[in-house]
PDB file of all heavy atoms in Angstrom:
ATOM      1  N   TRP A   1     -75.636  88.872  24.235  1.00  0.00           N
ATOM      2  CA  TRP A   1     -77.088  88.817  24.434  1.00  0.00           C
ATOM      3  C   TRP A   1     -77.791  89.944  23.695  1.00  0.00           C
ATOM      4  O   TRP A   1     -77.237  91.032  23.526  1.00  0.00           O
ATOM      5  CB  TRP A   1     -77.419  88.905  25.930  1.00  0.00           C
ATOM      6  CG  TRP A   1     -76.810  87.805  26.744  1.00  0.00           C
ATOM      7  CD1 TRP A   1     -75.818  87.915  27.667  1.00  0.00           C
ATOM      8  CD2 TRP A   1     -77.161  86.414  26.695  1.00  0.00           C
ATOM      9  NE1 TRP A   1     -75.518  86.680  28.186  1.00  0.00           N
ATOM     10  CE2 TRP A   1     -76.322  85.746  27.612  1.00  0.00           C
ATOM     11  CE3 TRP A   1     -78.083  85.673  25.960  1.00  0.00           C
ATOM     12  CZ2 TRP A   1     -76.386  84.373  27.819  1.00  0.00           C
ATOM     13  CZ3 TRP A   1     -78.146  84.306  26.162  1.00  0.00           C
ATOM     14  CH2 TRP A   1     -77.318  83.671  27.087  1.00  0.00           C
ATOM     15  N   GLN A   2     -79.010  89.687  23.287  1.00  0.00           N
ATOM     16  CA  GLN A   2     -79.791  90.677  22.534  1.00  0.00           C
ATOM     17  C   GLN A   2     -81.141  90.950  23.189  1.00  0.00           C
ATOM     18  O   GLN A   2     -82.104  91.314  22.528  1.00  0.00           O
ATOM     19  CB  GLN A   2     -79.977  90.188  21.093  1.00  0.00           C
ATOM     20  CG  GLN A   2     -78.661  89.989  20.365  1.00  0.00           C
ATOM     21  CD  GLN A   2     -78.831  89.289  19.026  1.00  0.00           C
ATOM     22  OE1 GLN A   2     -79.893  89.344  18.415  1.00  0.00           O
ATOM     23  NE2 GLN A   2     -77.780  88.619  18.565  1.00  0.00           N
ATOM     24  N   GLY A   3     -81.198  90.757  24.502  1.00  0.00           N
ATOM     25  CA  GLY A   3     -82.413  91.065  25.241  1.00  0.00           C
ATOM     26  C   GLY A   3     -83.435  89.952  25.249  1.00  0.00           C
ATOM     27  O   GLY A   3     -84.532  90.103  25.789  1.00  0.00           O
ATOM     28  N   GLN A   4     -83.088  88.794  24.666  1.00  0.00           N
ATOM     29  CA  GLN A   4     -84.037  87.685  24.608  1.00  0.00           C
ATOM     30  C   GLN A   4     -84.035  86.899  25.914  1.00  0.00           C
ATOM     31  O   GLN A   4     -83.048  86.883  26.633  1.00  0.00           O
ATOM     32  CB  GLN A   4     -83.738  86.766  23.413  1.00  0.00           C
ATOM     33  CG  GLN A   4     -82.493  85.893  23.546  1.00  0.00           C
ATOM     34  CD  GLN A   4     -81.221  86.581  23.151  1.00  0.00           C
ATOM     35  OE1 GLN A   4     -81.010  87.725  23.468  1.00  0.00           O
ATOM     36  NE2 GLN A   4     -80.344  85.842  22.463  1.00  0.00           N
ATOM     37  N   GLU A   5     -85.142  86.247  26.204  1.00  0.00           N
ATOM     38  CA  GLU A   5     -85.247  85.352  27.355  1.00  0.00           C
ATOM     39  C   GLU A   5     -84.753  85.996  28.653  1.00  0.00           C
ATOM     40  O   GLU A   5     -84.012  85.420  29.431  1.00  0.00           O
ATOM     41  CB  GLU A   5     -84.475  84.056  27.082  1.00  0.00           C
ATOM     42  CG  GLU A   5     -85.073  83.219  25.975  1.00  0.00           C
ATOM     43  CD  GLU A   5     -86.479  82.730  26.282  1.00  0.00           C
ATOM     44  OE1 GLU A   5     -86.759  82.379  27.430  1.00  0.00           O
ATOM     45  OE2 GLU A   5     -87.301  82.719  25.351  1.00  0.00           O
ATOM     46  N   GLU A   6     -85.180  87.266  28.852  1.00  0.00           N
ATOM     47  CA  GLU A   6     -84.892  87.987  30.093  1.00  0.00           C
ATOM     48  C   GLU A   6     -83.406  88.268  30.294  1.00  0.00           C
ATOM     49  O   GLU A   6     -82.964  88.575  31.405  1.00  0.00           O
ATOM     50  CB  GLU A   6     -85.457  87.232  31.302  1.00  0.00           C
ATOM     51  CG  GLU A   6     -86.967  87.004  31.227  1.00  0.00           C
ATOM     52  CD  GLU A   6     -87.503  86.175  32.387  1.00  0.00           C
ATOM     53  OE1 GLU A   6     -86.705  85.800  33.268  1.00  0.00           O
ATOM     54  OE2 GLU A   6     -88.719  85.926  32.405  1.00  0.00           O
ATOM     55  N   GLN A   7     -82.622  88.167  29.228  1.00  0.00           N
ATOM     56  CA  GLN A   7     -81.207  88.499  29.324  1.00  0.00           C
ATOM     57  C   GLN A   7     -81.004  89.981  29.006  1.00  0.00           C
ATOM     58  O   GLN A   7     -81.900  90.672  28.533  1.00  0.00           O
ATOM     59  CB  GLN A   7     -80.402  87.633  28.354  1.00  0.00           C
ATOM     60  CG  GLN A   7     -80.436  86.151  28.662  1.00  0.00           C
ATOM     61  CD  GLN A   7     -79.839  85.824  30.017  1.00  0.00           C
ATOM     62  OE1 GLN A   7     -78.902  86.477  30.466  1.00  0.00           O
ATOM     63  NE2 GLN A   7     -80.388  84.818  30.678  1.00  0.00           N
ATOM     64  N   ALA A   8     -79.783  90.463  29.268  1.00  0.00           N
ATOM     65  CA  ALA A   8     -79.453  91.856  28.978  1.00  0.00           C
ATOM     66  C   ALA A   8     -79.446  92.090  27.472  1.00  0.00           C
ATOM     67  O   ALA A   8     -79.298  91.159  26.688  1.00  0.00           O
ATOM     68  CB  ALA A   8     -78.079  92.186  29.558  1.00  0.00           C
ATOM     69  N   ASP A   9     -79.621  93.334  27.081  1.00  0.00           N
ATOM     70  CA  ASP A   9     -79.494  93.708  25.674  1.00  0.00           C
ATOM     71  C   ASP A   9     -78.124  94.338  25.492  1.00  0.00           C
ATOM     72  O   ASP A   9     -77.936  95.550  25.653  1.00  0.00           O
ATOM     73  CB  ASP A   9     -80.595  94.690  25.276  1.00  0.00           C
ATOM     74  CG  ASP A   9     -80.679  94.894  23.766  1.00  0.00           C
ATOM     75  OD1 ASP A   9     -79.642  94.728  23.094  1.00  0.00           O
ATOM     76  OD2 ASP A   9     -81.770  95.210  23.262  1.00  0.00           O
ATOM     77  N   ASP A  10     -77.142  93.500  25.184  1.00  0.00           N
ATOM     78  CA  ASP A  10     -75.766  93.971  25.037  1.00  0.00           C
ATOM     79  C   ASP A  10     -75.622  94.970  23.902  1.00  0.00           C
ATOM     80  O   ASP A  10     -74.776  95.873  23.970  1.00  0.00           O
ATOM     81  CB  ASP A  10     -74.827  92.792  24.780  1.00  0.00           C
ATOM     82  CG  ASP A  10     -74.703  91.854  25.965  1.00  0.00           C
ATOM     83  OD1 ASP A  10     -75.057  92.260  27.088  1.00  0.00           O
ATOM     84  OD2 ASP A  10     -74.254  90.703  25.762  1.00  0.00           O
ATOM     85  N   VAL A  11     -76.423  94.804  22.858  1.00  0.00           N
ATOM     86  CA  VAL A  11     -76.318  95.692  21.694  1.00  0.00           C
ATOM     87  C   VAL A  11     -76.776  97.103  22.069  1.00  0.00           C
ATOM     88  O   VAL A  11     -76.117  98.095  21.750  1.00  0.00           O
ATOM     89  CB  VAL A  11     -77.133  95.152  20.506  1.00  0.00           C
ATOM     90  CG1 VAL A  11     -77.014  96.083  19.312  1.00  0.00           C
ATOM     91  CG2 VAL A  11     -76.675  93.747  20.136  1.00  0.00           C
ATOM     92  N   GLU A  12     -77.879  97.183  22.780  1.00  0.00           N
ATOM     93  CA  GLU A  12     -78.366  98.490  23.240  1.00  0.00           C
ATOM     94  C   GLU A  12     -77.369  99.125  24.201  1.00  0.00           C
ATOM     95  O   GLU A  12     -77.086 100.330  24.112  1.00  0.00           O
ATOM     96  CB  GLU A  12     -79.727  98.338  23.917  1.00  0.00           C
ATOM     97  CG  GLU A  12     -80.321  99.652  24.397  1.00  0.00           C
ATOM     98  CD  GLU A  12     -81.722  99.485  24.952  1.00  0.00           C
ATOM     99  OE1 GLU A  12     -82.489  98.681  24.386  1.00  0.00           O
ATOM    100  OE2 GLU A  12     -82.037 100.170  25.945  1.00  0.00           O
ATOM    101  N   ASP A  13     -76.836  98.341  25.121  1.00  0.00           N
ATOM    102  CA  ASP A  13     -75.849  98.865  26.075  1.00  0.00           C
ATOM    103  C   ASP A  13     -74.616  99.379  25.348  1.00  0.00           C
ATOM    104  O   ASP A  13     -74.044 100.416  25.714  1.00  0.00           O
ATOM    105  CB  ASP A  13     -75.449  97.777  27.073  1.00  0.00           C
ATOM    106  CG  ASP A  13     -76.580  97.423  28.033  1.00  0.00           C
ATOM    107  OD1 ASP A  13     -77.540  98.199  28.141  1.00  0.00           O
ATOM    108  OD2 ASP A  13     -76.478  96.354  28.675  1.00  0.00           O
ATOM    109  N   PHE A  14     -74.193  98.648  24.313  1.00  0.00           N
ATOM    110  CA  PHE A  14     -73.032  99.068  23.528  1.00  0.00           C
ATOM    111  C   PHE A  14     -73.293 100.407  22.843  1.00  0.00           C
ATOM    112  O   PHE A  14     -72.441 101.315  22.872  1.00  0.00           O
ATOM    113  CB  PHE A  14     -72.703  98.003  22.481  1.00  0.00           C
ATOM    114  CG  PHE A  14     -71.846  98.508  21.351  1.00  0.00           C
ATOM    115  CD1 PHE A  14     -70.505  98.792  21.546  1.00  0.00           C
ATOM    116  CD2 PHE A  14     -72.396  98.724  20.087  1.00  0.00           C
ATOM    117  CE1 PHE A  14     -69.711  99.274  20.503  1.00  0.00           C
ATOM    118  CE2 PHE A  14     -71.614  99.200  19.058  1.00  0.00           C
ATOM    119  CZ  PHE A  14     -70.268  99.482  19.253  1.00  0.00           C
ATOM    120  N   ILE A  15     -74.444 100.552  22.217  1.00  0.00           N
ATOM    121  CA  ILE A  15     -74.769 101.794  21.503  1.00  0.00           C
ATOM    122  C   ILE A  15     -74.812 102.978  22.458  1.00  0.00           C
ATOM    123  O   ILE A  15     -74.261 104.052  22.168  1.00  0.00           O
ATOM    124  CB  ILE A  15     -76.105 101.640  20.749  1.00  0.00           C
ATOM    125  CG1 ILE A  15     -75.942 100.630  19.606  1.00  0.00           C
ATOM    126  CG2 ILE A  15     -76.585 102.992  20.212  1.00  0.00           C
ATOM    127  CD1 ILE A  15     -77.246 100.222  18.951  1.00  0.00           C
ATOM    128  N   LYS A  16     -75.442 102.787  23.596  1.00  0.00           N
ATOM    129  CA  LYS A  16     -75.503 103.865  24.593  1.00  0.00           C
ATOM    130  C   LYS A  16     -74.103 104.258  25.051  1.00  0.00           C
ATOM    131  O   LYS A  16     -73.791 105.452  25.192  1.00  0.00           O
ATOM    132  CB  LYS A  16     -76.345 103.427  25.787  1.00  0.00           C
ATOM    133  CG  LYS A  16     -77.833 103.328  25.504  1.00  0.00           C
ATOM    134  CD  LYS A  16     -78.583 102.856  26.745  1.00  0.00           C
ATOM    135  CE  LYS A  16     -80.076 102.781  26.493  1.00  0.00           C
ATOM    136  NZ  LYS A  16     -80.822 102.265  27.684  1.00  0.00           N
ATOM    137  N   ALA A  17     -73.246 103.257  25.289  1.00  0.00           N
ATOM    138  CA  ALA A  17     -71.877 103.534  25.730  1.00  0.00           C
ATOM    139  C   ALA A  17     -71.080 104.234  24.636  1.00  0.00           C
ATOM    140  O   ALA A  17     -70.340 105.190  24.891  1.00  0.00           O
ATOM    141  CB  ALA A  17     -71.195 102.235  26.144  1.00  0.00           C
ATOM    142  N   LEU A  18     -71.228 103.783  23.393  1.00  0.00           N
ATOM    143  CA  LEU A  18     -70.501 104.378  22.276  1.00  0.00           C
ATOM    144  C   LEU A  18     -70.800 105.854  22.138  1.00  0.00           C
ATOM    145  O   LEU A  18     -69.899 106.682  21.962  1.00  0.00           O
ATOM    146  CB  LEU A  18     -70.864 103.643  20.981  1.00  0.00           C
ATOM    147  CG  LEU A  18     -70.215 104.162  19.696  1.00  0.00           C
ATOM    148  CD1 LEU A  18     -68.715 103.931  19.718  1.00  0.00           C
ATOM    149  CD2 LEU A  18     -70.848 103.498  18.467  1.00  0.00           C
ATOM    150  N   PHE A  19     -72.074 106.212  22.270  1.00  0.00           N
ATOM    151  CA  PHE A  19     -72.482 107.596  22.043  1.00  0.00           C
ATOM    152  C   PHE A  19     -72.351 108.476  23.283  1.00  0.00           C
ATOM    153  O   PHE A  19     -72.829 109.604  23.287  1.00  0.00           O
ATOM    154  CB  PHE A  19     -73.891 107.644  21.451  1.00  0.00           C
ATOM    155  CG  PHE A  19     -73.905 107.347  19.975  1.00  0.00           C
ATOM    156  CD1 PHE A  19     -74.079 106.051  19.521  1.00  0.00           C
ATOM    157  CD2 PHE A  19     -73.683 108.345  19.040  1.00  0.00           C
ATOM    158  CE1 PHE A  19     -74.066 105.754  18.165  1.00  0.00           C
ATOM    159  CE2 PHE A  19     -73.664 108.067  17.685  1.00  0.00           C
ATOM    160  CZ  PHE A  19     -73.851 106.767  17.242  1.00  0.00           C
ATOM    161  N   THR A  20     -71.658 107.989  24.295  1.00  0.00           N
ATOM    162  CA  THR A  20     -71.210 108.892  25.358  1.00  0.00           C
ATOM    163  C   THR A  20     -69.982 109.664  24.882  1.00  0.00           C
ATOM    164  O   THR A  20     -69.649 110.714  25.444  1.00  0.00           O
ATOM    165  CB  THR A  20     -70.843 108.125  26.649  1.00  0.00           C
ATOM    166  OG1 THR A  20     -69.764 107.221  26.380  1.00  0.00           O
ATOM    167  CG2 THR A  20     -72.035 107.355  27.195  1.00  0.00           C
ATOM    168  N   GLU A  21     -69.314 109.151  23.858  1.00  0.00           N
ATOM    169  CA  GLU A  21     -68.135 109.811  23.284  1.00  0.00           C
ATOM    170  C   GLU A  21     -68.379 110.294  21.856  1.00  0.00           C
ATOM    171  O   GLU A  21     -67.974 111.386  21.484  1.00  0.00           O
ATOM    172  CB  GLU A  21     -66.942 108.852  23.304  1.00  0.00           C
ATOM    173  CG  GLU A  21     -66.482 108.434  24.695  1.00  0.00           C
ATOM    174  CD  GLU A  21     -65.772 109.553  25.438  1.00  0.00           C
ATOM    175  OE1 GLU A  21     -65.333 110.518  24.791  1.00  0.00           O
ATOM    176  OE2 GLU A  21     -65.644 109.457  26.674  1.00  0.00           O
ATOM    177  N   VAL A  22     -69.031 109.477  21.051  1.00  0.00           N
ATOM    178  CA  VAL A  22     -69.311 109.835  19.657  1.00  0.00           C
ATOM    179  C   VAL A  22     -70.550 110.722  19.601  1.00  0.00           C
ATOM    180  O   VAL A  22     -71.554 110.447  20.269  1.00  0.00           O
ATOM    181  CB  VAL A  22     -69.526 108.571  18.802  1.00  0.00           C
ATOM    182  CG1 VAL A  22     -69.893 108.947  17.367  1.00  0.00           C
ATOM    183  CG2 VAL A  22     -68.278 107.697  18.831  1.00  0.00           C
ATOM    184  N   LYS A  23     -70.467 111.784  18.807  1.00  0.00           N
ATOM    185  CA  LYS A  23     -71.600 112.699  18.683  1.00  0.00           C
ATOM    186  C   LYS A  23     -72.597 112.189  17.646  1.00  0.00           C
ATOM    187  O   LYS A  23     -72.203 111.669  16.597  1.00  0.00           O
ATOM    188  CB  LYS A  23     -71.112 114.094  18.275  1.00  0.00           C
ATOM    189  CG  LYS A  23     -70.262 114.792  19.327  1.00  0.00           C
ATOM    190  CD  LYS A  23     -69.849 116.182  18.864  1.00  0.00           C
ATOM    191  CE  LYS A  23     -69.016 116.883  19.926  1.00  0.00           C
ATOM    192  NZ  LYS A  23     -68.599 118.252  19.483  1.00  0.00           N
ATOM    193  N   LYS A  24     -73.872 112.359  17.941  1.00  0.00           N
ATOM    194  CA  LYS A  24     -74.906 112.022  16.974  1.00  0.00           C
ATOM    195  C   LYS A  24     -74.792 112.956  15.770  1.00  0.00           C
ATOM    196  O   LYS A  24     -74.394 114.117  15.919  1.00  0.00           O
ATOM    197  CB  LYS A  24     -76.301 112.149  17.597  1.00  0.00           C
ATOM    198  CG  LYS A  24     -76.599 111.142  18.690  1.00  0.00           C
ATOM    199  CD  LYS A  24     -78.019 111.326  19.202  1.00  0.00           C
ATOM    200  CE  LYS A  24     -78.349 110.327  20.295  1.00  0.00           C
ATOM    201  NZ  LYS A  24     -79.735 110.493  20.808  1.00  0.00           N
ATOM    202  N   PRO A  25     -75.128 112.487  14.584  1.00  0.00           N
ATOM    203  CA  PRO A  25     -74.984 113.331  13.386  1.00  0.00           C
ATOM    204  C   PRO A  25     -75.956 114.512  13.380  1.00  0.00           C
ATOM    205  O   PRO A  25     -77.114 114.385  13.796  1.00  0.00           O
ATOM    206  CB  PRO A  25     -75.277 112.365  12.236  1.00  0.00           C
ATOM    207  CG  PRO A  25     -76.100 111.272  12.846  1.00  0.00           C
ATOM    208  CD  PRO A  25     -75.604 111.132  14.256  1.00  0.00           C
ATOM    209  N   ALA A  26     -75.463 115.645  12.907  1.00  0.00           N
ATOM    210  CA  ALA A  26     -76.301 116.832  12.748  1.00  0.00           C
ATOM    211  C   ALA A  26     -77.071 116.726  11.435  1.00  0.00           C
ATOM    212  O   ALA A  26     -76.980 115.728  10.717  1.00  0.00           O
ATOM    213  CB  ALA A  26     -75.421 118.080  12.767  1.00  0.00           C
ATOM    214  N   LYS A  27     -77.809 117.767  11.095  1.00  0.00           N
ATOM    215  CA  LYS A  27     -78.597 117.780   9.868  1.00  0.00           C
ATOM    216  C   LYS A  27     -77.668 117.635   8.664  1.00  0.00           C
ATOM    217  O   LYS A  27     -76.594 118.235   8.606  1.00  0.00           O
ATOM    218  CB  LYS A  27     -79.387 119.081   9.772  1.00  0.00           C
ATOM    219  CG  LYS A  27     -80.340 119.136   8.583  1.00  0.00           C
ATOM    220  CD  LYS A  27     -81.128 120.438   8.584  1.00  0.00           C
ATOM    221  CE  LYS A  27     -82.083 120.488   7.406  1.00  0.00           C
ATOM    222  NZ  LYS A  27     -82.854 121.768   7.378  1.00  0.00           N
ATOM    223  N   ASN A  28     -78.095 116.833   7.711  1.00  0.00           N
ATOM    224  CA  ASN A  28     -77.330 116.571   6.481  1.00  0.00           C
ATOM    225  C   ASN A  28     -76.000 115.864   6.736  1.00  0.00           C
ATOM    226  O   ASN A  28     -75.103 115.895   5.890  1.00  0.00           O
ATOM    227  CB  ASN A  28     -77.081 117.863   5.691  1.00  0.00           C
ATOM    228  CG  ASN A  28     -78.369 118.518   5.239  1.00  0.00           C
ATOM    229  OD1 ASN A  28     -79.340 117.836   4.914  1.00  0.00           O
ATOM    230  ND2 ASN A  28     -78.395 119.839   5.230  1.00  0.00           N
ATOM    231  N   SER A  29     -75.886 115.259   7.918  1.00  0.00           N
ATOM    232  CA  SER A  29     -74.654 114.566   8.274  1.00  0.00           C
ATOM    233  C   SER A  29     -74.954 113.114   8.634  1.00  0.00           C
ATOM    234  O   SER A  29     -76.099 112.743   8.903  1.00  0.00           O
ATOM    235  CB  SER A  29     -73.972 115.260   9.460  1.00  0.00           C
ATOM    236  OG  SER A  29     -73.631 116.589   9.141  1.00  0.00           O
ATOM    237  N   ALA A  30     -73.907 112.299   8.628  1.00  0.00           N
ATOM    238  CA  ALA A  30     -74.059 110.890   8.982  1.00  0.00           C
ATOM    239  C   ALA A  30     -72.818 110.407   9.727  1.00  0.00           C
ATOM    240  O   ALA A  30     -71.729 110.970   9.588  1.00  0.00           O
ATOM    241  CB  ALA A  30     -74.272 110.032   7.732  1.00  0.00           C
TER     242      ALA A  30
END
């Protein structure tokens, strides 16, 4: 699901879950 028609946004949930472990990039990093 992608948040359409009152459904959950699985993509957003996935990103939030992923970045509980993966660090966001610092300056000049990706």
